[in-house]
Amino acid sequence: MQKTTAQSTTGGAGSRALGERVKALFGQPEFILFLVIVFLIALGAVVNPRTVGIENLKIMTRDTAILAIAAIGVGFTILTGGIDLSVGSIIGLAGVLAAYFMVVWGLPIWISIPMTLAVGLGIGMVHGLFVTKLKMHGFLITLVTLGLARGFTLVLTNAFPITGLPLAFNALGQGYLGNIIPIPVLIAAGVAAVAYFVLRFTFIGRQIYAAGGNVEAARFSGVNVDARIILCYVVSVVCASMVGMIQAARMSLGHPGAGEGYELLAITAAILGGVSFSGGQGGVIGILIGALLMGVLQNLLVMLNVNPYWHKIVTSLVLLAAITFDYARRRRRV
């Protein structure tokens, strides 16, 4: 009798522990997003079986990977309490610059890519310096760059695409590893791994979170806040520059209109992934899940033949939902 009672007690404790774990799991926003992703994929498979076909999965993972790179970059600026609105224009500028260097100037790929990234690094430093030294909000300086970068793109191209890119360069956006894994997925995995390591395991990452959580407290603690903020803006523009080159390789040309509106997708993916607009909260894993959700949603809209004019409306409503959830979560903490 005593043994039966003990077993019953142990079983009850185990059930409670399991219930607590399940409750905690459903309390994780990332897990909820994952369930939404599964639901969307299942819905697409029912309505249009080609949604889960091999070729469409390749396209979806490639597009998601490209978005993830941009979202990780802009996520760094949001971690500091800032924002980067220039992502879309930088994507267009970087794609055109890489094409201009290779086709017009005749430079080899191995020089053109670093030169394009160097331009992005310089732009990111300018953003960071305006934010830290002139105390200008990132919204304002990146809004200026949004217009400037797009303008320079049109000046370089006269509004016509630059064609004739080398086939080796095009592999960045069109190639596959083993005819299964798109090259952009490998690039995104590398970017995500580096970003995760920096934010999770280095003092630089801890200082970025500290700067975003409470700037003055971070300064009093000896954190070089200015250097960390500048670094985050550099990361954002360099990631956008990488996306620009991948997009150019994918299309086999430098298109002056590439990346238009892409900042909306990147910011939405980052906020969906748990990066708070107030700064100091969020991580790479969440951003990847947010990018996956946006990638699946965008692909589903295409597969269901939804009018393209509705795509931005849907994206904006998703962003509104993410921002609302972020603000509600912050109010609960207060």
C-alpha atoms as a PDB file:
ATOM      1  CA  MET A   1       0.000   0.000   0.000  1.00  0.00           C
ATOM      2  CA  GLN A   2       2.822   2.350   0.934  1.00  0.00           C
ATOM      3  CA  LYS A   3       4.613   1.472  -2.304  1.00  0.00           C
ATOM      4  CA  THR A   4       1.497   2.284  -4.333  1.00  0.00           C
ATOM      5  CA  THR A   5       1.129   5.616  -2.553  1.00  0.00           C
ATOM      6  CA  ALA A   6       4.797   6.462  -3.185  1.00  0.00           C
ATOM      7  CA  GLN A   7       4.453   5.578  -6.842  1.00  0.00           C
ATOM      8  CA  SER A   8       1.321   7.709  -7.086  1.00  0.00           C
ATOM      9  CA  THR A   9       3.107  10.638  -5.472  1.00  0.00           C
ATOM     10  CA  THR A  10       6.100  10.237  -7.772  1.00  0.00           C
ATOM     11  CA  GLY A  11       3.833   9.989 -10.798  1.00  0.00           C
ATOM     12  CA  GLY A  12       1.968  13.108  -9.747  1.00  0.00           C
ATOM     13  CA  ALA A  13       5.203  15.042  -9.272  1.00  0.00           C
ATOM     14  CA  GLY A  14       6.413  13.886 -12.671  1.00  0.00           C
ATOM     15  CA  SER A  15       3.173  14.976 -14.309  1.00  0.00           C
ATOM     16  CA  ARG A  16       3.404  18.388 -12.655  1.00  0.00           C
ATOM     17  CA  ALA A  17       7.011  18.775 -13.763  1.00  0.00           C
ATOM     18  CA  LEU A  18       6.062  17.839 -17.310  1.00  0.00           C
ATOM     19  CA  GLY A  19       3.171  20.283 -17.197  1.00  0.00           C
ATOM     20  CA  GLU A  20       5.492  23.044 -15.992  1.00  0.00           C
ATOM     21  CA  ARG A  21       7.944  22.337 -18.813  1.00  0.00           C
ATOM     22  CA  VAL A  22       5.156  22.397 -21.400  1.00  0.00           C
ATOM     23  CA  LYS A  23       3.813  25.643 -19.914  1.00  0.00           C
ATOM     24  CA  ALA A  24       7.295  27.186 -20.013  1.00  0.00           C
ATOM     25  CA  LEU A  25       7.737  26.016 -23.603  1.00  0.00           C
ATOM     26  CA  PHE A  26       4.512  27.664 -24.696  1.00  0.00           C
ATOM     27  CA  GLY A  27       5.646  30.778 -22.853  1.00  0.00           C
ATOM     28  CA  GLN A  28       8.575  31.113 -25.256  1.00  0.00           C
ATOM     29  CA  PRO A  29       7.723  33.436 -28.198  1.00  0.00           C
ATOM     30  CA  GLU A  30      10.172  31.557 -30.412  1.00  0.00           C
ATOM     31  CA  PHE A  31       8.252  28.298 -29.889  1.00  0.00           C
ATOM     32  CA  ILE A  32       4.956  30.009 -30.719  1.00  0.00           C
ATOM     33  CA  LEU A  33       6.516  31.388 -33.920  1.00  0.00           C
ATOM     34  CA  PHE A  34       7.745  27.911 -34.798  1.00  0.00           C
ATOM     35  CA  LEU A  35       4.208  26.553 -34.421  1.00  0.00           C
ATOM     36  CA  VAL A  36       2.921  29.345 -36.678  1.00  0.00           C
ATOM     37  CA  ILE A  37       5.546  28.415 -39.278  1.00  0.00           C
ATOM     38  CA  VAL A  38       4.485  24.746 -39.155  1.00  0.00           C
ATOM     39  CA  PHE A  39       0.845  25.802 -39.525  1.00  0.00           C
ATOM     40  CA  LEU A  40       1.607  28.009 -42.544  1.00  0.00           C
ATOM     41  CA  ILE A  41       3.595  25.268 -44.267  1.00  0.00           C
ATOM     42  CA  ALA A  42       0.817  22.731 -43.591  1.00  0.00           C
ATOM     43  CA  LEU A  43      -1.770  25.192 -44.915  1.00  0.00           C
ATOM     44  CA  GLY A  44       0.260  25.754 -48.054  1.00  0.00           C
ATOM     45  CA  ALA A  45       0.688  22.018 -48.579  1.00  0.00           C
ATOM     46  CA  VAL A  46      -3.069  21.506 -48.395  1.00  0.00           C
ATOM     47  CA  VAL A  47      -3.988  24.395 -50.697  1.00  0.00           C
ATOM     48  CA  ASN A  48      -1.102  23.941 -53.132  1.00  0.00           C
ATOM     49  CA  PRO A  49       0.996  20.750 -52.795  1.00  0.00           C
ATOM     50  CA  ARG A  50       3.824  22.385 -54.766  1.00  0.00           C
ATOM     51  CA  THR A  51       4.503  24.459 -51.640  1.00  0.00           C
ATOM     52  CA  VAL A  52       6.387  21.525 -50.108  1.00  0.00           C
ATOM     53  CA  GLY A  53       7.984  20.452 -53.383  1.00  0.00           C
ATOM     54  CA  ILE A  54      11.767  20.243 -53.539  1.00  0.00           C
ATOM     55  CA  GLU A  55      12.174  23.131 -55.967  1.00  0.00           C
ATOM     56  CA  ASN A  56       9.951  25.469 -53.968  1.00  0.00           C
ATOM     57  CA  LEU A  57      11.687  24.501 -50.713  1.00  0.00           C
ATOM     58  CA  LYS A  58      15.007  25.428 -52.329  1.00  0.00           C
ATOM     59  CA  ILE A  59      13.618  28.820 -53.336  1.00  0.00           C
ATOM     60  CA  MET A  60      12.061  29.390 -49.922  1.00  0.00           C
ATOM     61  CA  THR A  61      15.202  28.511 -47.973  1.00  0.00           C
ATOM     62  CA  ARG A  62      17.336  30.688 -50.258  1.00  0.00           C
ATOM     63  CA  ASP A  63      15.036  33.691 -49.884  1.00  0.00           C
ATOM     64  CA  THR A  64      14.787  33.145 -46.134  1.00  0.00           C
ATOM     65  CA  ALA A  65      18.574  32.961 -45.809  1.00  0.00           C
ATOM     66  CA  ILE A  66      19.026  36.230 -47.684  1.00  0.00           C
ATOM     67  CA  LEU A  67      16.451  37.915 -45.450  1.00  0.00           C
ATOM     68  CA  ALA A  68      18.087  36.442 -42.348  1.00  0.00           C
ATOM     69  CA  ILE A  69      21.412  38.114 -43.167  1.00  0.00           C
ATOM     70  CA  ALA A  70      19.754  41.527 -43.442  1.00  0.00           C
ATOM     71  CA  ALA A  71      17.645  40.911 -40.326  1.00  0.00           C
ATOM     72  CA  ILE A  72      20.684  39.935 -38.244  1.00  0.00           C
ATOM     73  CA  GLY A  73      22.410  43.129 -39.344  1.00  0.00           C
ATOM     74  CA  VAL A  74      19.526  45.458 -38.541  1.00  0.00           C
ATOM     75  CA  GLY A  75      18.959  43.492 -35.326  1.00  0.00           C
ATOM     76  CA  PHE A  76      22.340  44.687 -34.047  1.00  0.00           C
ATOM     77  CA  THR A  77      21.260  48.327 -34.347  1.00  0.00           C
ATOM     78  CA  ILE A  78      17.914  47.628 -32.660  1.00  0.00           C
ATOM     79  CA  LEU A  79      19.762  45.947 -29.779  1.00  0.00           C
ATOM     80  CA  THR A  80      21.350  49.326 -29.037  1.00  0.00           C
ATOM     81  CA  GLY A  81      17.981  51.073 -29.126  1.00  0.00           C
ATOM     82  CA  GLY A  82      18.603  52.413 -32.642  1.00  0.00           C
ATOM     83  CA  ILE A  83      17.354  51.542 -36.104  1.00  0.00           C
ATOM     84  CA  ASP A  84      18.653  51.307 -39.666  1.00  0.00           C
ATOM     85  CA  LEU A  85      16.206  52.408 -42.354  1.00  0.00           C
ATOM     86  CA  SER A  86      18.814  52.369 -45.119  1.00  0.00           C
ATOM     87  CA  VAL A  87      18.917  48.578 -45.507  1.00  0.00           C
ATOM     88  CA  GLY A  88      16.938  48.449 -48.763  1.00  0.00           C
ATOM     89  CA  SER A  89      18.877  51.260 -50.423  1.00  0.00           C
ATOM     90  CA  ILE A  90      22.207  49.801 -49.301  1.00  0.00           C
ATOM     91  CA  ILE A  91      21.196  46.478 -50.861  1.00  0.00           C
ATOM     92  CA  GLY A  92      20.571  48.243 -54.170  1.00  0.00           C
ATOM     93  CA  LEU A  93      23.785  50.273 -53.948  1.00  0.00           C
ATOM     94  CA  ALA A  94      25.970  47.282 -53.042  1.00  0.00           C
ATOM     95  CA  GLY A  95      24.622  45.169 -55.895  1.00  0.00           C
ATOM     96  CA  VAL A  96      25.213  47.967 -58.372  1.00  0.00           C
ATOM     97  CA  LEU A  97      28.680  48.749 -56.969  1.00  0.00           C
ATOM     98  CA  ALA A  98      29.810  45.134 -57.242  1.00  0.00           C
ATOM     99  CA  ALA A  99      28.518  44.975 -60.816  1.00  0.00           C
ATOM    100  CA  TYR A 100      30.108  48.355 -61.631  1.00  0.00           C
ATOM    101  CA  PHE A 101      33.494  47.255 -60.302  1.00  0.00           C
ATOM    102  CA  MET A 102      33.445  43.986 -62.249  1.00  0.00           C
ATOM    103  CA  VAL A 103      31.804  45.044 -65.518  1.00  0.00           C
ATOM    104  CA  VAL A 104      32.651  48.739 -65.965  1.00  0.00           C
ATOM    105  CA  TRP A 105      36.028  48.832 -64.241  1.00  0.00           C
ATOM    106  CA  GLY A 106      36.934  45.269 -65.178  1.00  0.00           C
ATOM    107  CA  LEU A 107      38.124  44.334 -61.682  1.00  0.00           C
ATOM    108  CA  PRO A 108      38.277  40.658 -60.655  1.00  0.00           C
ATOM    109  CA  ILE A 109      35.698  39.210 -58.267  1.00  0.00           C
ATOM    110  CA  TRP A 110      38.139  38.845 -55.383  1.00  0.00           C
ATOM    111  CA  ILE A 111      38.794  42.599 -55.449  1.00  0.00           C
ATOM    112  CA  SER A 112      35.264  43.779 -56.232  1.00  0.00           C
ATOM    113  CA  ILE A 113      33.625  42.015 -53.293  1.00  0.00           C
ATOM    114  CA  PRO A 114      35.997  43.415 -50.606  1.00  0.00           C
ATOM    115  CA  MET A 115      35.757  46.878 -52.170  1.00  0.00           C
ATOM    116  CA  THR A 116      31.967  46.754 -51.964  1.00  0.00           C
ATOM    117  CA  LEU A 117      32.115  45.582 -48.351  1.00  0.00           C
ATOM    118  CA  ALA A 118      34.619  48.360 -47.583  1.00  0.00           C
ATOM    119  CA  VAL A 119      32.168  50.958 -48.900  1.00  0.00           C
ATOM    120  CA  GLY A 120      29.502  49.443 -46.665  1.00  0.00           C
ATOM    121  CA  LEU A 121      31.853  49.524 -43.705  1.00  0.00           C
ATOM    122  CA  GLY A 122      32.540  53.209 -44.321  1.00  0.00           C
ATOM    123  CA  ILE A 123      28.836  54.038 -44.531  1.00  0.00           C
ATOM    124  CA  GLY A 124      28.193  52.123 -41.306  1.00  0.00           C
ATOM    125  CA  MET A 125      30.946  54.054 -39.532  1.00  0.00           C
ATOM    126  CA  VAL A 126      29.414  57.339 -40.680  1.00  0.00           C
ATOM    127  CA  HIS A 127      26.052  56.234 -39.283  1.00  0.00           C
ATOM    128  CA  GLY A 128      27.638  55.273 -35.984  1.00  0.00           C
ATOM    129  CA  LEU A 129      29.591  58.525 -35.701  1.00  0.00           C
ATOM    130  CA  PHE A 130      26.480  60.617 -36.322  1.00  0.00           C
ATOM    131  CA  VAL A 131      24.619  58.646 -33.666  1.00  0.00           C
ATOM    132  CA  THR A 132      27.376  58.728 -31.048  1.00  0.00           C
ATOM    133  CA  LYS A 133      29.145  62.044 -31.600  1.00  0.00           C
ATOM    134  CA  LEU A 134      26.273  64.242 -32.784  1.00  0.00           C
ATOM    135  CA  LYS A 135      23.686  62.397 -30.668  1.00  0.00           C
ATOM    136  CA  MET A 136      21.481  62.011 -33.741  1.00  0.00           C
ATOM    137  CA  HIS A 137      18.985  59.182 -33.639  1.00  0.00           C
ATOM    138  CA  GLY A 138      19.717  56.344 -36.050  1.00  0.00           C
ATOM    139  CA  PHE A 139      16.287  56.881 -37.590  1.00  0.00           C
ATOM    140  CA  LEU A 140      17.361  60.268 -38.968  1.00  0.00           C
ATOM    141  CA  ILE A 141      20.834  59.550 -40.355  1.00  0.00           C
ATOM    142  CA  THR A 142      19.799  56.242 -41.917  1.00  0.00           C
ATOM    143  CA  LEU A 143      16.745  57.935 -43.414  1.00  0.00           C
ATOM    144  CA  VAL A 144      19.137  60.343 -45.133  1.00  0.00           C
ATOM    145  CA  THR A 145      21.238  57.424 -46.382  1.00  0.00           C
ATOM    146  CA  LEU A 146      18.082  55.732 -47.650  1.00  0.00           C
ATOM    147  CA  GLY A 147      17.704  58.569 -50.143  1.00  0.00           C
ATOM    148  CA  LEU A 148      21.398  59.153 -50.830  1.00  0.00           C
ATOM    149  CA  ALA A 149      22.229  55.517 -51.530  1.00  0.00           C
ATOM    150  CA  ARG A 150      19.296  55.129 -53.893  1.00  0.00           C
ATOM    151  CA  GLY A 151      20.271  58.358 -55.632  1.00  0.00           C
ATOM    152  CA  PHE A 152      23.890  57.255 -56.135  1.00  0.00           C
ATOM    153  CA  THR A 153      22.605  53.927 -57.454  1.00  0.00           C
ATOM    154  CA  LEU A 154      20.589  55.733 -60.126  1.00  0.00           C
ATOM    155  CA  VAL A 155      23.529  58.015 -60.977  1.00  0.00           C
ATOM    156  CA  LEU A 156      25.873  55.042 -61.476  1.00  0.00           C
ATOM    157  CA  THR A 157      23.423  53.148 -63.672  1.00  0.00           C
ATOM    158  CA  ASN A 158      21.381  55.904 -65.324  1.00  0.00           C
ATOM    159  CA  ALA A 159      18.445  53.793 -64.102  1.00  0.00           C
ATOM    160  CA  PHE A 160      19.510  50.861 -66.350  1.00  0.00           C
ATOM    161  CA  PRO A 161      20.703  47.490 -64.963  1.00  0.00           C
ATOM    162  CA  ILE A 162      24.376  46.558 -65.298  1.00  0.00           C
ATOM    163  CA  THR A 163      24.567  43.184 -67.044  1.00  0.00           C
ATOM    164  CA  GLY A 164      27.358  40.783 -67.947  1.00  0.00           C
ATOM    165  CA  LEU A 165      28.388  39.668 -64.447  1.00  0.00           C
ATOM    166  CA  PRO A 166      30.878  36.758 -64.285  1.00  0.00           C
ATOM    167  CA  LEU A 167      29.366  33.299 -63.904  1.00  0.00           C
ATOM    168  CA  ALA A 168      31.589  32.616 -60.894  1.00  0.00           C
ATOM    169  CA  PHE A 169      30.089  35.626 -59.132  1.00  0.00           C
ATOM    170  CA  ASN A 170      26.534  34.572 -60.030  1.00  0.00           C
ATOM    171  CA  ALA A 171      27.112  31.341 -58.123  1.00  0.00           C
ATOM    172  CA  LEU A 172      26.782  33.356 -54.897  1.00  0.00           C
ATOM    173  CA  GLY A 173      23.071  33.719 -55.524  1.00  0.00           C
ATOM    174  CA  GLN A 174      22.317  30.816 -57.850  1.00  0.00           C
ATOM    175  CA  GLY A 175      24.648  28.020 -56.773  1.00  0.00           C
ATOM    176  CA  TYR A 176      23.922  24.972 -54.639  1.00  0.00           C
ATOM    177  CA  LEU A 177      25.991  22.686 -52.462  1.00  0.00           C
ATOM    178  CA  GLY A 178      25.346  19.162 -53.670  1.00  0.00           C
ATOM    179  CA  ASN A 179      22.466  20.480 -55.768  1.00  0.00           C
ATOM    180  CA  ILE A 180      20.428  20.710 -52.547  1.00  0.00           C
ATOM    181  CA  ILE A 181      21.604  23.485 -50.220  1.00  0.00           C
ATOM    182  CA  PRO A 182      21.579  27.005 -51.740  1.00  0.00           C
ATOM    183  CA  ILE A 183      24.847  28.910 -51.334  1.00  0.00           C
ATOM    184  CA  PRO A 184      23.036  31.843 -49.604  1.00  0.00           C
ATOM    185  CA  VAL A 185      21.988  29.391 -46.876  1.00  0.00           C
ATOM    186  CA  LEU A 186      25.651  28.592 -46.197  1.00  0.00           C
ATOM    187  CA  ILE A 187      26.519  32.299 -46.116  1.00  0.00           C
ATOM    188  CA  ALA A 188      23.622  33.013 -43.750  1.00  0.00           C
ATOM    189  CA  ALA A 189      24.687  30.133 -41.511  1.00  0.00           C
ATOM    190  CA  GLY A 190      28.188  31.588 -41.312  1.00  0.00           C
ATOM    191  CA  VAL A 191      26.900  35.081 -40.518  1.00  0.00           C
ATOM    192  CA  ALA A 192      24.502  33.705 -37.903  1.00  0.00           C
ATOM    193  CA  ALA A 193      27.222  31.593 -36.263  1.00  0.00           C
ATOM    194  CA  VAL A 194      29.599  34.556 -35.960  1.00  0.00           C
ATOM    195  CA  ALA A 195      26.833  36.866 -34.686  1.00  0.00           C
ATOM    196  CA  TYR A 196      25.654  34.256 -32.166  1.00  0.00           C
ATOM    197  CA  PHE A 197      29.176  33.703 -30.861  1.00  0.00           C
ATOM    198  CA  VAL A 198      29.865  37.429 -30.526  1.00  0.00           C
ATOM    199  CA  LEU A 199      26.605  38.216 -28.723  1.00  0.00           C
ATOM    200  CA  ARG A 200      26.550  35.123 -26.516  1.00  0.00           C
ATOM    201  CA  PHE A 201      30.155  34.389 -25.616  1.00  0.00           C
ATOM    202  CA  THR A 202      32.211  37.595 -25.869  1.00  0.00           C
ATOM    203  CA  PHE A 203      32.510  40.671 -23.681  1.00  0.00           C
ATOM    204  CA  ILE A 204      31.711  42.769 -26.771  1.00  0.00           C
ATOM    205  CA  GLY A 205      28.328  41.074 -26.998  1.00  0.00           C
ATOM    206  CA  ARG A 206      27.621  41.620 -23.306  1.00  0.00           C
ATOM    207  CA  GLN A 207      28.552  45.281 -23.693  1.00  0.00           C
ATOM    208  CA  ILE A 208      26.207  45.653 -26.692  1.00  0.00           C
ATOM    209  CA  TYR A 209      23.324  44.369 -24.561  1.00  0.00           C
ATOM    210  CA  ALA A 210      24.389  46.636 -21.706  1.00  0.00           C
ATOM    211  CA  ALA A 211      24.531  49.675 -23.997  1.00  0.00           C
ATOM    212  CA  GLY A 212      21.064  48.898 -25.324  1.00  0.00           C
ATOM    213  CA  GLY A 213      19.581  48.190 -21.907  1.00  0.00           C
ATOM    214  CA  ASN A 214      20.828  51.304 -20.099  1.00  0.00           C
ATOM    215  CA  VAL A 215      23.329  53.602 -21.787  1.00  0.00           C
ATOM    216  CA  GLU A 216      24.274  55.642 -18.732  1.00  0.00           C
ATOM    217  CA  ALA A 217      24.672  52.607 -16.497  1.00  0.00           C
ATOM    218  CA  ALA A 218      26.856  51.004 -19.152  1.00  0.00           C
ATOM    219  CA  ARG A 219      29.050  54.130 -19.321  1.00  0.00           C
ATOM    220  CA  PHE A 220      29.472  54.194 -15.534  1.00  0.00           C
ATOM    221  CA  SER A 221      30.451  50.525 -15.710  1.00  0.00           C
ATOM    222  CA  GLY A 222      33.328  51.387 -18.032  1.00  0.00           C
ATOM    223  CA  VAL A 223      31.735  50.203 -21.283  1.00  0.00           C
ATOM    224  CA  ASN A 224      32.914  52.046 -24.398  1.00  0.00           C
ATOM    225  CA  VAL A 225      29.339  52.648 -25.490  1.00  0.00           C
ATOM    226  CA  ASP A 226      30.254  54.717 -28.540  1.00  0.00           C
ATOM    227  CA  ALA A 227      32.492  51.991 -29.937  1.00  0.00           C
ATOM    228  CA  ARG A 228      29.796  49.341 -29.476  1.00  0.00           C
ATOM    229  CA  ILE A 229      27.111  51.460 -31.148  1.00  0.00           C
ATOM    230  CA  ILE A 230      29.398  52.247 -34.087  1.00  0.00           C
ATOM    231  CA  LEU A 231      30.179  48.531 -34.411  1.00  0.00           C
ATOM    232  CA  CYS A 232      26.473  47.674 -34.562  1.00  0.00           C
ATOM    233  CA  TYR A 233      25.793  50.190 -37.337  1.00  0.00           C
ATOM    234  CA  VAL A 234      28.791  48.861 -39.257  1.00  0.00           C
ATOM    235  CA  VAL A 235      27.486  45.298 -38.910  1.00  0.00           C
ATOM    236  CA  SER A 236      24.082  46.389 -40.225  1.00  0.00           C
ATOM    237  CA  VAL A 237      25.417  48.035 -43.379  1.00  0.00           C
ATOM    238  CA  VAL A 238      27.971  45.297 -44.079  1.00  0.00           C
ATOM    239  CA  CYS A 239      25.231  42.650 -43.808  1.00  0.00           C
ATOM    240  CA  ALA A 240      23.018  44.698 -46.142  1.00  0.00           C
ATOM    241  CA  SER A 241      25.956  44.983 -48.556  1.00  0.00           C
ATOM    242  CA  MET A 242      26.348  41.203 -48.518  1.00  0.00           C
ATOM    243  CA  VAL A 243      22.659  40.826 -49.304  1.00  0.00           C
ATOM    244  CA  GLY A 244      23.004  43.333 -52.148  1.00  0.00           C
ATOM    245  CA  MET A 245      25.773  41.316 -53.774  1.00  0.00           C
ATOM    246  CA  ILE A 246      23.878  38.040 -53.316  1.00  0.00           C
ATOM    247  CA  GLN A 247      20.805  39.592 -54.900  1.00  0.00           C
ATOM    248  CA  ALA A 248      22.875  40.877 -57.821  1.00  0.00           C
ATOM    249  CA  ALA A 249      24.372  37.404 -58.283  1.00  0.00           C
ATOM    250  CA  ARG A 250      20.924  35.872 -58.084  1.00  0.00           C
ATOM    251  CA  MET A 251      19.576  38.140 -60.849  1.00  0.00           C
ATOM    252  CA  SER A 252      22.866  38.108 -62.836  1.00  0.00           C
ATOM    253  CA  LEU A 253      22.816  41.910 -62.931  1.00  0.00           C
ATOM    254  CA  GLY A 254      23.147  45.022 -60.823  1.00  0.00           C
ATOM    255  CA  HIS A 255      19.628  46.417 -60.704  1.00  0.00           C
ATOM    256  CA  PRO A 256      19.113  50.001 -59.458  1.00  0.00           C
ATOM    257  CA  GLY A 257      15.737  49.071 -57.967  1.00  0.00           C
ATOM    258  CA  ALA A 258      16.959  46.058 -56.001  1.00  0.00           C
ATOM    259  CA  GLY A 259      16.184  45.998 -52.289  1.00  0.00           C
ATOM    260  CA  GLU A 260      13.372  48.534 -52.444  1.00  0.00           C
ATOM    261  CA  GLY A 261      11.292  48.176 -49.288  1.00  0.00           C
ATOM    262  CA  TYR A 262      13.550  45.413 -47.952  1.00  0.00           C
ATOM    263  CA  GLU A 263      14.129  47.308 -44.707  1.00  0.00           C
ATOM    264  CA  LEU A 264      10.487  46.606 -43.809  1.00  0.00           C
ATOM    265  CA  LEU A 265      11.032  42.854 -44.160  1.00  0.00           C
ATOM    266  CA  ALA A 266      14.315  42.887 -42.226  1.00  0.00           C
ATOM    267  CA  ILE A 267      12.996  44.978 -39.339  1.00  0.00           C
ATOM    268  CA  THR A 268       9.833  42.879 -39.152  1.00  0.00           C
ATOM    269  CA  ALA A 269      11.860  39.655 -38.993  1.00  0.00           C
ATOM    270  CA  ALA A 270      14.057  41.054 -36.208  1.00  0.00           C
ATOM    271  CA  ILE A 271      11.118  42.316 -34.123  1.00  0.00           C
ATOM    272  CA  LEU A 272       9.190  39.089 -34.675  1.00  0.00           C
ATOM    273  CA  GLY A 273      12.263  37.245 -33.410  1.00  0.00           C
ATOM    274  CA  GLY A 274      12.095  39.015 -30.070  1.00  0.00           C
ATOM    275  CA  VAL A 275      14.470  41.945 -30.574  1.00  0.00           C
ATOM    276  CA  SER A 276      12.920  44.773 -28.575  1.00  0.00           C
ATOM    277  CA  PHE A 277      12.700  48.319 -29.922  1.00  0.00           C
ATOM    278  CA  SER A 278      13.719  49.514 -26.455  1.00  0.00           C
ATOM    279  CA  GLY A 279      17.084  47.802 -26.922  1.00  0.00           C
ATOM    280  CA  GLY A 280      19.062  45.319 -24.888  1.00  0.00           C
ATOM    281  CA  GLN A 281      16.901  42.282 -25.615  1.00  0.00           C
ATOM    282  CA  GLY A 282      16.837  39.664 -28.347  1.00  0.00           C
ATOM    283  CA  GLY A 283      19.130  37.163 -29.990  1.00  0.00           C
ATOM    284  CA  VAL A 284      20.225  35.538 -33.207  1.00  0.00           C
ATOM    285  CA  ILE A 285      18.117  32.389 -32.815  1.00  0.00           C
ATOM    286  CA  GLY A 286      14.957  34.471 -32.500  1.00  0.00           C
ATOM    287  CA  ILE A 287      15.915  36.567 -35.525  1.00  0.00           C
ATOM    288  CA  LEU A 288      16.435  33.418 -37.600  1.00  0.00           C
ATOM    289  CA  ILE A 289      12.993  32.145 -36.609  1.00  0.00           C
ATOM    290  CA  GLY A 290      11.481  35.540 -37.420  1.00  0.00           C
ATOM    291  CA  ALA A 291      13.179  35.521 -40.823  1.00  0.00           C
ATOM    292  CA  LEU A 292      11.931  31.984 -41.440  1.00  0.00           C
ATOM    293  CA  LEU A 293       8.374  33.043 -40.620  1.00  0.00           C
ATOM    294  CA  MET A 294       8.569  36.006 -42.991  1.00  0.00           C
ATOM    295  CA  GLY A 295      10.176  33.849 -45.692  1.00  0.00           C
ATOM    296  CA  VAL A 296       7.471  31.197 -45.397  1.00  0.00           C
ATOM    297  CA  LEU A 297       4.728  33.840 -45.372  1.00  0.00           C
ATOM    298  CA  GLN A 298       6.104  35.613 -48.453  1.00  0.00           C
ATOM    299  CA  ASN A 299       6.489  32.315 -50.291  1.00  0.00           C
ATOM    300  CA  LEU A 300       2.984  31.235 -49.317  1.00  0.00           C
ATOM    301  CA  LEU A 301       1.513  34.453 -50.675  1.00  0.00           C
ATOM    302  CA  VAL A 302       3.196  33.738 -54.007  1.00  0.00           C
ATOM    303  CA  MET A 303       2.177  30.074 -54.091  1.00  0.00           C
ATOM    304  CA  LEU A 304      -1.430  30.998 -53.326  1.00  0.00           C
ATOM    305  CA  ASN A 305      -1.397  33.555 -56.155  1.00  0.00           C
ATOM    306  CA  VAL A 306      -2.198  36.445 -53.831  1.00  0.00           C
ATOM    307  CA  ASN A 307      -2.077  39.787 -55.645  1.00  0.00           C
ATOM    308  CA  PRO A 308       1.462  41.230 -55.151  1.00  0.00           C
ATOM    309  CA  TYR A 309      -0.075  44.556 -54.136  1.00  0.00           C
ATOM    310  CA  TRP A 310      -1.274  42.868 -50.949  1.00  0.00           C
ATOM    311  CA  HIS A 311       2.171  41.610 -49.946  1.00  0.00           C
ATOM    312  CA  LYS A 312       3.331  44.842 -48.335  1.00  0.00           C
ATOM    313  CA  ILE A 313      -0.009  45.219 -46.583  1.00  0.00           C
ATOM    314  CA  VAL A 314       0.370  41.767 -45.053  1.00  0.00           C
ATOM    315  CA  THR A 315       3.995  42.481 -44.072  1.00  0.00           C
ATOM    316  CA  SER A 316       3.032  45.792 -42.477  1.00  0.00           C
ATOM    317  CA  LEU A 317       0.240  44.148 -40.486  1.00  0.00           C
ATOM    318  CA  VAL A 318       2.668  41.481 -39.260  1.00  0.00           C
ATOM    319  CA  LEU A 319       5.075  44.251 -38.206  1.00  0.00           C
ATOM    320  CA  LEU A 320       2.234  46.008 -36.375  1.00  0.00           C
ATOM    321  CA  ALA A 321       1.424  42.781 -34.529  1.00  0.00           C
ATOM    322  CA  ALA A 322       5.101  42.303 -33.583  1.00  0.00           C
ATOM    323  CA  ILE A 323       5.460  45.892 -32.335  1.00  0.00           C
ATOM    324  CA  THR A 324       2.213  45.626 -30.359  1.00  0.00           C
ATOM    325  CA  PHE A 325       3.427  42.414 -28.719  1.00  0.00           C
ATOM    326  CA  ASP A 326       6.779  44.052 -27.933  1.00  0.00           C
ATOM    327  CA  TYR A 327       5.133  47.049 -26.264  1.00  0.00           C
ATOM    328  CA  ALA A 328       2.711  44.839 -24.330  1.00  0.00           C
ATOM    329  CA  ARG A 329       5.611  42.715 -23.094  1.00  0.00           C
ATOM    330  CA  ARG A 330       7.491  45.816 -21.920  1.00  0.00           C
ATOM    331  CA  ARG A 331       4.419  47.153 -20.090  1.00  0.00           C
ATOM    332  CA  ARG A 332       4.063  43.844 -18.231  1.00  0.00           C
ATOM    333  CA  ARG A 333       7.645  44.157 -17.013  1.00  0.00           C
ATOM    334  CA  VAL A 334       6.986  47.654 -15.714  1.00  0.00           C
END
